[in-house]
Full PDB file with SEQRES, HELIX, SHEET, SSBOND, CRYST1, ORIGX, SCALE, CONECT and MASTER records, all heavy atoms in Angstrom:
SEQRES   1 A   33  GLU SER GLU ASN THR ILE SER ASN THR ASN ASN LYS GLN          
SEQRES   2 A   33  LEU TYR TYR GLY ASP ALA ILE SER LYS TYR GLY LEU ALA          
SEQRES   3 A   33  LYS TYR ASP GLU ALA ILE GLU                                  
HELIX    1 AA1 THR A    5  GLY A   24  1                                  20    
HELIX    2 AA2 TYR A   28  ILE A   32  1                                   5    
CRYST1    1.000    1.000    1.000  90.00  90.00  90.00 P 1           1          
ORIGX1      1.000000  0.000000  0.000000        0.00000                         
ORIGX2      0.000000  1.000000  0.000000        0.00000                         
ORIGX3      0.000000  0.000000  1.000000        0.00000                         
SCALE1      1.000000  0.000000  0.000000        0.00000                         
SCALE2      0.000000  1.000000  0.000000        0.00000                         
SCALE3      0.000000  0.000000  1.000000        0.00000                         
ATOM      1  N   GLU A   1      12.535   4.469  -0.081  1.00  0.00           N  
ATOM      2  CA  GLU A   1      12.731   5.664  -0.906  1.00  0.00           C  
ATOM      3  C   GLU A   1      13.288   5.409  -2.231  1.00  0.00           C  
ATOM      4  O   GLU A   1      13.166   6.046  -3.178  1.00  0.00           O  
ATOM      5  CB  GLU A   1      13.468   6.732  -0.100  1.00  0.00           C  
ATOM      6  CG  GLU A   1      12.835   7.265   1.073  1.00  0.00           C  
ATOM      7  CD  GLU A   1      11.590   8.167   0.853  1.00  0.00           C  
ATOM      8  OE1 GLU A   1      11.335   8.515  -0.321  1.00  0.00           O  
ATOM      9  OE2 GLU A   1      10.970   8.472   1.783  1.00  0.00           O  
ATOM     10  N   SER A   2      14.272   4.487  -2.319  1.00  0.00           N  
ATOM     11  CA  SER A   2      15.100   4.288  -3.555  1.00  0.00           C  
ATOM     12  C   SER A   2      14.138   3.706  -4.720  1.00  0.00           C  
ATOM     13  O   SER A   2      13.063   3.200  -4.578  1.00  0.00           O  
ATOM     14  CB  SER A   2      16.174   3.189  -3.330  1.00  0.00           C  
ATOM     15  OG  SER A   2      15.580   1.999  -2.797  1.00  0.00           O  
ATOM     16  N   GLU A   3      14.602   4.086  -5.913  1.00  0.00           N  
ATOM     17  CA  GLU A   3      13.790   3.690  -7.140  1.00  0.00           C  
ATOM     18  C   GLU A   3      14.558   2.605  -7.907  1.00  0.00           C  
ATOM     19  O   GLU A   3      15.478   2.872  -8.619  1.00  0.00           O  
ATOM     20  CB  GLU A   3      13.643   5.040  -8.113  1.00  0.00           C  
ATOM     21  CG  GLU A   3      12.587   5.938  -7.678  1.00  0.00           C  
ATOM     22  CD  GLU A   3      11.104   5.384  -7.894  1.00  0.00           C  
ATOM     23  OE1 GLU A   3      10.983   4.504  -8.779  1.00  0.00           O  
ATOM     24  OE2 GLU A   3      10.237   5.722  -7.182  1.00  0.00           O  
ATOM     25  N   ASN A   4      14.113   1.339  -7.705  1.00  0.00           N  
ATOM     26  CA  ASN A   4      14.703   0.187  -8.433  1.00  0.00           C  
ATOM     27  C   ASN A   4      13.634  -0.852  -8.349  1.00  0.00           C  
ATOM     28  O   ASN A   4      12.522  -0.769  -7.695  1.00  0.00           O  
ATOM     29  CB  ASN A   4      16.028  -0.297  -7.831  1.00  0.00           C  
ATOM     30  CG  ASN A   4      15.977  -0.576  -6.372  1.00  0.00           C  
ATOM     31  OD1 ASN A   4      15.204  -1.414  -6.041  1.00  0.00           O  
ATOM     32  ND2 ASN A   4      16.762   0.040  -5.533  1.00  0.00           N  
ATOM     33  N   THR A   5      13.913  -1.949  -9.085  1.00  0.00           N  
ATOM     34  CA  THR A   5      12.900  -2.953  -9.211  1.00  0.00           C  
ATOM     35  C   THR A   5      12.408  -3.602  -7.859  1.00  0.00           C  
ATOM     36  O   THR A   5      11.318  -3.744  -7.555  1.00  0.00           O  
ATOM     37  CB  THR A   5      13.446  -4.154 -10.127  1.00  0.00           C  
ATOM     38  OG1 THR A   5      13.684  -3.521 -11.336  1.00  0.00           O  
ATOM     39  CG2 THR A   5      12.406  -5.222 -10.280  1.00  0.00           C  
ATOM     40  N   ILE A   6      13.482  -3.843  -6.941  1.00  0.00           N  
ATOM     41  CA  ILE A   6      13.164  -4.460  -5.752  1.00  0.00           C  
ATOM     42  C   ILE A   6      12.425  -3.410  -4.834  1.00  0.00           C  
ATOM     43  O   ILE A   6      11.399  -3.934  -4.237  1.00  0.00           O  
ATOM     44  CB  ILE A   6      14.436  -4.880  -5.011  1.00  0.00           C  
ATOM     45  CG1 ILE A   6      15.239  -6.074  -5.782  1.00  0.00           C  
ATOM     46  CG2 ILE A   6      14.145  -5.269  -3.583  1.00  0.00           C  
ATOM     47  CD1 ILE A   6      16.532  -6.468  -5.177  1.00  0.00           C  
ATOM     48  N   SER A   7      12.858  -2.317  -4.742  1.00  0.00           N  
ATOM     49  CA  SER A   7      12.174  -1.234  -3.961  1.00  0.00           C  
ATOM     50  C   SER A   7      10.670  -1.002  -4.477  1.00  0.00           C  
ATOM     51  O   SER A   7       9.768  -1.019  -3.688  1.00  0.00           O  
ATOM     52  CB  SER A   7      12.874   0.124  -4.048  1.00  0.00           C  
ATOM     53  OG  SER A   7      14.038  -0.051  -3.251  1.00  0.00           O  
ATOM     54  N   ASN A   8      10.430  -0.925  -5.735  1.00  0.00           N  
ATOM     55  CA  ASN A   8       9.225  -0.723  -6.346  1.00  0.00           C  
ATOM     56  C   ASN A   8       8.220  -1.912  -6.055  1.00  0.00           C  
ATOM     57  O   ASN A   8       7.098  -1.763  -5.780  1.00  0.00           O  
ATOM     58  CB  ASN A   8       9.316  -0.431  -7.901  1.00  0.00           C  
ATOM     59  CG  ASN A   8       9.863   1.001  -8.203  1.00  0.00           C  
ATOM     60  OD1 ASN A   8       9.782   1.906  -7.267  1.00  0.00           O  
ATOM     61  ND2 ASN A   8      10.299   1.151  -9.423  1.00  0.00           N  
ATOM     62  N   THR A   9       8.783  -3.095  -6.245  1.00  0.00           N  
ATOM     63  CA  THR A   9       8.112  -4.266  -5.939  1.00  0.00           C  
ATOM     64  C   THR A   9       7.650  -4.331  -4.465  1.00  0.00           C  
ATOM     65  O   THR A   9       6.474  -4.542  -4.224  1.00  0.00           O  
ATOM     66  CB  THR A   9       8.933  -5.590  -6.156  1.00  0.00           C  
ATOM     67  OG1 THR A   9       9.219  -5.609  -7.591  1.00  0.00           O  
ATOM     68  CG2 THR A   9       8.148  -6.831  -5.783  1.00  0.00           C  
ATOM     69  N   ASN A  10       8.561  -3.969  -3.583  1.00  0.00           N  
ATOM     70  CA  ASN A  10       8.195  -3.919  -2.170  1.00  0.00           C  
ATOM     71  C   ASN A  10       7.139  -2.859  -1.920  1.00  0.00           C  
ATOM     72  O   ASN A  10       6.159  -3.099  -1.160  1.00  0.00           O  
ATOM     73  CB  ASN A  10       9.411  -3.731  -1.332  1.00  0.00           C  
ATOM     74  CG  ASN A  10      10.320  -4.890  -1.162  1.00  0.00           C  
ATOM     75  OD1 ASN A  10       9.741  -6.070  -1.231  1.00  0.00           O  
ATOM     76  ND2 ASN A  10      11.538  -4.785  -0.825  1.00  0.00           N  
ATOM     77  N   ASN A  11       7.251  -1.706  -2.431  1.00  0.00           N  
ATOM     78  CA  ASN A  11       6.337  -0.591  -2.233  1.00  0.00           C  
ATOM     79  C   ASN A  11       4.981  -0.857  -2.667  1.00  0.00           C  
ATOM     80  O   ASN A  11       3.983  -0.591  -2.088  1.00  0.00           O  
ATOM     81  CB  ASN A  11       6.922   0.710  -2.777  1.00  0.00           C  
ATOM     82  CG  ASN A  11       8.088   1.314  -2.028  1.00  0.00           C  
ATOM     83  OD1 ASN A  11       8.219   0.838  -0.874  1.00  0.00           O  
ATOM     84  ND2 ASN A  11       8.815   2.195  -2.622  1.00  0.00           N  
ATOM     85  N   LYS A  12       4.912  -1.554  -3.837  1.00  0.00           N  
ATOM     86  CA  LYS A  12       3.590  -1.980  -4.405  1.00  0.00           C  
ATOM     87  C   LYS A  12       2.921  -2.862  -3.496  1.00  0.00           C  
ATOM     88  O   LYS A  12       1.703  -2.677  -3.152  1.00  0.00           O  
ATOM     89  CB  LYS A  12       3.714  -2.518  -5.772  1.00  0.00           C  
ATOM     90  CG  LYS A  12       2.335  -2.817  -6.480  1.00  0.00           C  
ATOM     91  CD  LYS A  12       2.528  -3.014  -7.972  1.00  0.00           C  
ATOM     92  CE  LYS A  12       1.249  -3.004  -8.642  1.00  0.00           C  
ATOM     93  NZ  LYS A  12       1.316  -2.892 -10.133  1.00  0.00           N  
ATOM     94  N   GLN A  13       3.682  -3.965  -2.914  1.00  0.00           N  
ATOM     95  CA  GLN A  13       3.059  -4.860  -1.963  1.00  0.00           C  
ATOM     96  C   GLN A  13       2.665  -4.149  -0.769  1.00  0.00           C  
ATOM     97  O   GLN A  13       1.682  -4.377  -0.085  1.00  0.00           O  
ATOM     98  CB  GLN A  13       4.148  -5.881  -1.617  1.00  0.00           C  
ATOM     99  CG  GLN A  13       4.603  -6.792  -2.670  1.00  0.00           C  
ATOM    100  CD  GLN A  13       3.587  -7.930  -2.898  1.00  0.00           C  
ATOM    101  OE1 GLN A  13       2.626  -7.960  -2.341  1.00  0.00           O  
ATOM    102  NE2 GLN A  13       3.878  -8.853  -3.919  1.00  0.00           N  
ATOM    103  N   LEU A  14       3.532  -3.208  -0.323  1.00  0.00           N  
ATOM    104  CA  LEU A  14       3.206  -2.293   0.884  1.00  0.00           C  
ATOM    105  C   LEU A  14       2.029  -1.619   0.809  1.00  0.00           C  
ATOM    106  O   LEU A  14       1.089  -1.690   1.648  1.00  0.00           O  
ATOM    107  CB  LEU A  14       4.390  -1.453   1.129  1.00  0.00           C  
ATOM    108  CG  LEU A  14       4.109  -0.144   1.981  1.00  0.00           C  
ATOM    109  CD1 LEU A  14       3.802  -0.561   3.417  1.00  0.00           C  
ATOM    110  CD2 LEU A  14       5.376   0.720   2.003  1.00  0.00           C  
ATOM    111  N   TYR A  15       1.740  -0.772  -0.314  1.00  0.00           N  
ATOM    112  CA  TYR A  15       0.574  -0.075  -0.481  1.00  0.00           C  
ATOM    113  C   TYR A  15      -0.714  -0.932  -0.526  1.00  0.00           C  
ATOM    114  O   TYR A  15      -1.728  -0.565  -0.017  1.00  0.00           O  
ATOM    115  CB  TYR A  15       0.609   0.777  -1.787  1.00  0.00           C  
ATOM    116  CG  TYR A  15       1.559   2.100  -1.634  1.00  0.00           C  
ATOM    117  CD1 TYR A  15       2.573   2.200  -2.595  1.00  0.00           C  
ATOM    118  CD2 TYR A  15       1.434   2.832  -0.490  1.00  0.00           C  
ATOM    119  CE1 TYR A  15       3.390   3.366  -2.462  1.00  0.00           C  
ATOM    120  CE2 TYR A  15       2.295   4.017  -0.409  1.00  0.00           C  
ATOM    121  CZ  TYR A  15       3.270   4.205  -1.347  1.00  0.00           C  
ATOM    122  OH  TYR A  15       4.081   5.266  -1.265  1.00  0.00           O  
ATOM    123  N   TYR A  16      -0.514  -2.075  -1.264  1.00  0.00           N  
ATOM    124  CA  TYR A  16      -1.730  -3.075  -1.284  1.00  0.00           C  
ATOM    125  C   TYR A  16      -2.067  -3.591   0.045  1.00  0.00           C  
ATOM    126  O   TYR A  16      -3.214  -3.600   0.419  1.00  0.00           O  
ATOM    127  CB  TYR A  16      -1.283  -4.188  -2.293  1.00  0.00           C  
ATOM    128  CG  TYR A  16      -2.189  -5.258  -2.477  1.00  0.00           C  
ATOM    129  CD1 TYR A  16      -3.664  -5.028  -2.521  1.00  0.00           C  
ATOM    130  CD2 TYR A  16      -1.866  -6.617  -2.276  1.00  0.00           C  
ATOM    131  CE1 TYR A  16      -4.518  -6.095  -2.665  1.00  0.00           C  
ATOM    132  CE2 TYR A  16      -2.724  -7.716  -2.385  1.00  0.00           C  
ATOM    133  CZ  TYR A  16      -4.140  -7.435  -2.567  1.00  0.00           C  
ATOM    134  OH  TYR A  16      -4.955  -8.476  -2.698  1.00  0.00           O  
ATOM    135  N   GLY A  17      -0.989  -3.987   0.722  1.00  0.00           N  
ATOM    136  CA  GLY A  17      -1.279  -4.505   2.108  1.00  0.00           C  
ATOM    137  C   GLY A  17      -1.844  -3.544   3.053  1.00  0.00           C  
ATOM    138  O   GLY A  17      -2.827  -3.750   3.758  1.00  0.00           O  
ATOM    139  N   ASP A  18      -1.334  -2.251   2.956  1.00  0.00           N  
ATOM    140  CA  ASP A  18      -1.879  -1.170   3.773  1.00  0.00           C  
ATOM    141  C   ASP A  18      -3.283  -0.815   3.426  1.00  0.00           C  
ATOM    142  O   ASP A  18      -4.111  -0.537   4.306  1.00  0.00           O  
ATOM    143  CB  ASP A  18      -1.001   0.017   3.676  1.00  0.00           C  
ATOM    144  CG  ASP A  18      -1.293   1.059   4.802  1.00  0.00           C  
ATOM    145  OD1 ASP A  18      -1.062   0.665   5.915  1.00  0.00           O  
ATOM    146  OD2 ASP A  18      -1.655   2.150   4.519  1.00  0.00           O  
ATOM    147  N   ALA A  19      -3.627  -0.923   2.168  1.00  0.00           N  
ATOM    148  CA  ALA A  19      -5.005  -0.736   1.654  1.00  0.00           C  
ATOM    149  C   ALA A  19      -5.992  -1.675   2.229  1.00  0.00           C  
ATOM    150  O   ALA A  19      -7.091  -1.396   2.569  1.00  0.00           O  
ATOM    151  CB  ALA A  19      -5.066  -0.736   0.173  1.00  0.00           C  
ATOM    152  N   ILE A  20      -5.559  -3.003   2.312  1.00  0.00           N  
ATOM    153  CA  ILE A  20      -6.398  -4.014   2.913  1.00  0.00           C  
ATOM    154  C   ILE A  20      -6.633  -3.645   4.343  1.00  0.00           C  
ATOM    155  O   ILE A  20      -7.718  -3.792   4.850  1.00  0.00           O  
ATOM    156  CB  ILE A  20      -5.735  -5.322   2.762  1.00  0.00           C  
ATOM    157  CG1 ILE A  20      -5.577  -5.826   1.334  1.00  0.00           C  
ATOM    158  CG2 ILE A  20      -6.440  -6.478   3.567  1.00  0.00           C  
ATOM    159  CD1 ILE A  20      -4.756  -7.042   1.084  1.00  0.00           C  
ATOM    160  N   SER A  21      -5.593  -3.312   4.993  1.00  0.00           N  
ATOM    161  CA  SER A  21      -5.744  -2.991   6.489  1.00  0.00           C  
ATOM    162  C   SER A  21      -6.730  -1.779   6.640  1.00  0.00           C  
ATOM    163  O   SER A  21      -7.599  -1.766   7.497  1.00  0.00           O  
ATOM    164  CB  SER A  21      -4.345  -2.552   7.089  1.00  0.00           C  
ATOM    165  OG  SER A  21      -3.339  -3.528   6.828  1.00  0.00           O  
ATOM    166  N   LYS A  22      -6.552  -0.740   5.738  1.00  0.00           N  
ATOM    167  CA  LYS A  22      -7.378   0.423   5.940  1.00  0.00           C  
ATOM    168  C   LYS A  22      -8.881   0.108   5.630  1.00  0.00           C  
ATOM    169  O   LYS A  22      -9.881   0.592   6.251  1.00  0.00           O  
ATOM    170  CB  LYS A  22      -6.869   1.604   5.055  1.00  0.00           C  
ATOM    171  CG  LYS A  22      -5.399   2.003   5.358  1.00  0.00           C  
ATOM    172  CD  LYS A  22      -5.455   2.660   6.738  1.00  0.00           C  
ATOM    173  CE  LYS A  22      -3.992   3.099   7.197  1.00  0.00           C  
ATOM    174  NZ  LYS A  22      -3.283   3.970   6.223  1.00  0.00           N  
ATOM    175  N   TYR A  23      -9.017  -0.688   4.585  1.00  0.00           N  
ATOM    176  CA  TYR A  23     -10.438  -1.290   4.283  1.00  0.00           C  
ATOM    177  C   TYR A  23     -10.982  -2.048   5.498  1.00  0.00           C  
ATOM    178  O   TYR A  23     -12.000  -1.743   5.828  1.00  0.00           O  
ATOM    179  CB  TYR A  23     -10.381  -2.082   3.026  1.00  0.00           C  
ATOM    180  CG  TYR A  23     -11.726  -2.615   2.607  1.00  0.00           C  
ATOM    181  CD1 TYR A  23     -12.369  -1.816   1.688  1.00  0.00           C  
ATOM    182  CD2 TYR A  23     -12.253  -3.675   3.066  1.00  0.00           C  
ATOM    183  CE1 TYR A  23     -13.762  -2.215   1.168  1.00  0.00           C  
ATOM    184  CE2 TYR A  23     -13.485  -4.256   2.551  1.00  0.00           C  
ATOM    185  CZ  TYR A  23     -14.180  -3.391   1.677  1.00  0.00           C  
ATOM    186  OH  TYR A  23     -15.469  -3.849   1.199  1.00  0.00           O  
ATOM    187  N   GLY A  24     -10.171  -2.897   6.039  1.00  0.00           N  
ATOM    188  CA  GLY A  24     -10.640  -3.583   7.234  1.00  0.00           C  
ATOM    189  C   GLY A  24     -10.989  -2.808   8.431  1.00  0.00           C  
ATOM    190  O   GLY A  24     -11.874  -3.021   9.237  1.00  0.00           O  
ATOM    191  N   LEU A  25     -10.255  -1.585   8.502  1.00  0.00           N  
ATOM    192  CA  LEU A  25     -10.606  -0.597   9.561  1.00  0.00           C  
ATOM    193  C   LEU A  25     -11.685   0.378   9.197  1.00  0.00           C  
ATOM    194  O   LEU A  25     -11.948   1.401  10.030  1.00  0.00           O  
ATOM    195  CB  LEU A  25      -9.230   0.055  10.002  1.00  0.00           C  
ATOM    196  CG  LEU A  25      -8.192  -0.790  10.657  1.00  0.00           C  
ATOM    197  CD1 LEU A  25      -6.860  -0.095  10.647  1.00  0.00           C  
ATOM    198  CD2 LEU A  25      -8.578  -1.173  11.996  1.00  0.00           C  
ATOM    199  N   ALA A  26     -12.270   0.232   8.059  1.00  0.00           N  
ATOM    200  CA  ALA A  26     -13.370   1.044   7.507  1.00  0.00           C  
ATOM    201  C   ALA A  26     -12.791   2.520   7.157  1.00  0.00           C  
ATOM    202  O   ALA A  26     -13.520   3.500   7.212  1.00  0.00           O  
ATOM    203  CB  ALA A  26     -14.487   1.130   8.466  1.00  0.00           C  
ATOM    204  N   LYS A  27     -11.464   2.601   7.047  1.00  0.00           N  
ATOM    205  CA  LYS A  27     -10.862   3.960   6.499  1.00  0.00           C  
ATOM    206  C   LYS A  27     -10.766   3.833   5.001  1.00  0.00           C  
ATOM    207  O   LYS A  27      -9.738   3.714   4.445  1.00  0.00           O  
ATOM    208  CB  LYS A  27      -9.524   4.044   7.157  1.00  0.00           C  
ATOM    209  CG  LYS A  27      -9.597   4.136   8.779  1.00  0.00           C  
ATOM    210  CD  LYS A  27      -8.181   4.351   9.330  1.00  0.00           C  
ATOM    211  CE  LYS A  27      -8.269   4.429  10.846  1.00  0.00           C  
ATOM    212  NZ  LYS A  27      -6.903   4.604  11.461  1.00  0.00           N  
ATOM    213  N   TYR A  28     -11.964   3.949   4.325  1.00  0.00           N  
ATOM    214  CA  TYR A  28     -12.050   3.677   3.018  1.00  0.00           C  
ATOM    215  C   TYR A  28     -11.312   4.765   2.048  1.00  0.00           C  
ATOM    216  O   TYR A  28     -10.734   4.441   1.144  1.00  0.00           O  
ATOM    217  CB  TYR A  28     -13.527   3.557   2.537  1.00  0.00           C  
ATOM    218  CG  TYR A  28     -14.334   2.563   3.412  1.00  0.00           C  
ATOM    219  CD1 TYR A  28     -15.352   2.813   4.193  1.00  0.00           C  
ATOM    220  CD2 TYR A  28     -13.894   1.186   3.209  1.00  0.00           C  
ATOM    221  CE1 TYR A  28     -15.966   1.829   4.896  1.00  0.00           C  
ATOM    222  CE2 TYR A  28     -14.530   0.193   3.999  1.00  0.00           C  
ATOM    223  CZ  TYR A  28     -15.525   0.521   4.810  1.00  0.00           C  
ATOM    224  OH  TYR A  28     -16.291  -0.439   5.606  1.00  0.00           O  
ATOM    225  N   ASP A  29     -11.372   6.015   2.471  1.00  0.00           N  
ATOM    226  CA  ASP A  29     -10.703   6.952   1.751  1.00  0.00           C  
ATOM    227  C   ASP A  29      -9.177   6.774   1.659  1.00  0.00           C  
ATOM    228  O   ASP A  29      -8.562   6.983   0.735  1.00  0.00           O  
ATOM    229  CB  ASP A  29     -10.933   8.378   2.238  1.00  0.00           C  
ATOM    230  CG  ASP A  29     -12.446   8.857   2.016  1.00  0.00           C  
ATOM    231  OD1 ASP A  29     -12.955   8.495   0.962  1.00  0.00           O  
ATOM    232  OD2 ASP A  29     -12.903   9.606   2.778  1.00  0.00           O  
ATOM    233  N   GLU A  30      -8.662   6.340   2.814  1.00  0.00           N  
ATOM    234  CA  GLU A  30      -7.168   5.988   2.838  1.00  0.00           C  
ATOM    235  C   GLU A  30      -6.925   4.710   2.053  1.00  0.00           C  
ATOM    236  O   GLU A  30      -5.830   4.657   1.315  1.00  0.00           O  
ATOM    237  CB  GLU A  30      -6.720   5.739   4.304  1.00  0.00           C  
ATOM    238  CG  GLU A  30      -6.819   7.121   5.130  1.00  0.00           C  
ATOM    239  CD  GLU A  30      -6.303   6.928   6.615  1.00  0.00           C  
ATOM    240  OE1 GLU A  30      -5.326   6.147   6.717  1.00  0.00           O  
ATOM    241  OE2 GLU A  30      -7.016   7.477   7.546  1.00  0.00           O  
ATOM    242  N   ALA A  31      -7.892   3.791   2.032  1.00  0.00           N  
ATOM    243  CA  ALA A  31      -7.687   2.585   1.226  1.00  0.00           C  
ATOM    244  C   ALA A  31      -7.633   2.919  -0.179  1.00  0.00           C  
ATOM    245  O   ALA A  31      -6.846   2.384  -0.999  1.00  0.00           O  
ATOM    246  CB  ALA A  31      -8.760   1.581   1.535  1.00  0.00           C  
ATOM    247  N   ILE A  32      -8.487   3.943  -0.667  1.00  0.00           N  
ATOM    248  CA  ILE A  32      -8.512   4.360  -2.028  1.00  0.00           C  
ATOM    249  C   ILE A  32      -7.245   4.950  -2.418  1.00  0.00           C  
ATOM    250  O   ILE A  32      -6.580   4.713  -3.464  1.00  0.00           O  
ATOM    251  CB  ILE A  32      -9.726   5.369  -2.292  1.00  0.00           C  
ATOM    252  CG1 ILE A  32     -11.083   4.602  -2.126  1.00  0.00           C  
ATOM    253  CG2 ILE A  32      -9.585   6.051  -3.577  1.00  0.00           C  
ATOM    254  CD1 ILE A  32     -12.236   5.515  -2.111  1.00  0.00           C  
ATOM    255  N   GLU A  33      -6.527   5.815  -1.577  1.00  0.00           N  
ATOM    256  CA  GLU A  33      -5.412   6.497  -1.874  1.00  0.00           C  
ATOM    257  C   GLU A  33      -4.259   5.450  -2.021  1.00  0.00           C  
ATOM    258  O   GLU A  33      -3.392   5.481  -2.864  1.00  0.00           O  
ATOM    259  CB  GLU A  33      -5.051   7.509  -0.763  1.00  0.00           C  
ATOM    260  CG  GLU A  33      -5.888   8.805  -0.824  1.00  0.00           C  
ATOM    261  CD  GLU A  33      -5.846   9.408  -2.196  1.00  0.00           C  
ATOM    262  OE1 GLU A  33      -4.821   9.698  -2.712  1.00  0.00           O  
ATOM    263  OE2 GLU A  33      -6.909   9.564  -2.780  1.00  0.00           O  
TER     264      GLU A  33                                                      
MASTER        0    0    0    2    0    0    0    6  263    1    0    3          
END                                                                             
């Protein structure tokens, strides 16, 4: 939840990784978000 360089870096990696997972699961709308 915190707003700093480390948290933002982690969250960007997180959203990217989760998007890959959702794409792999054919949950394309969630991957887009």
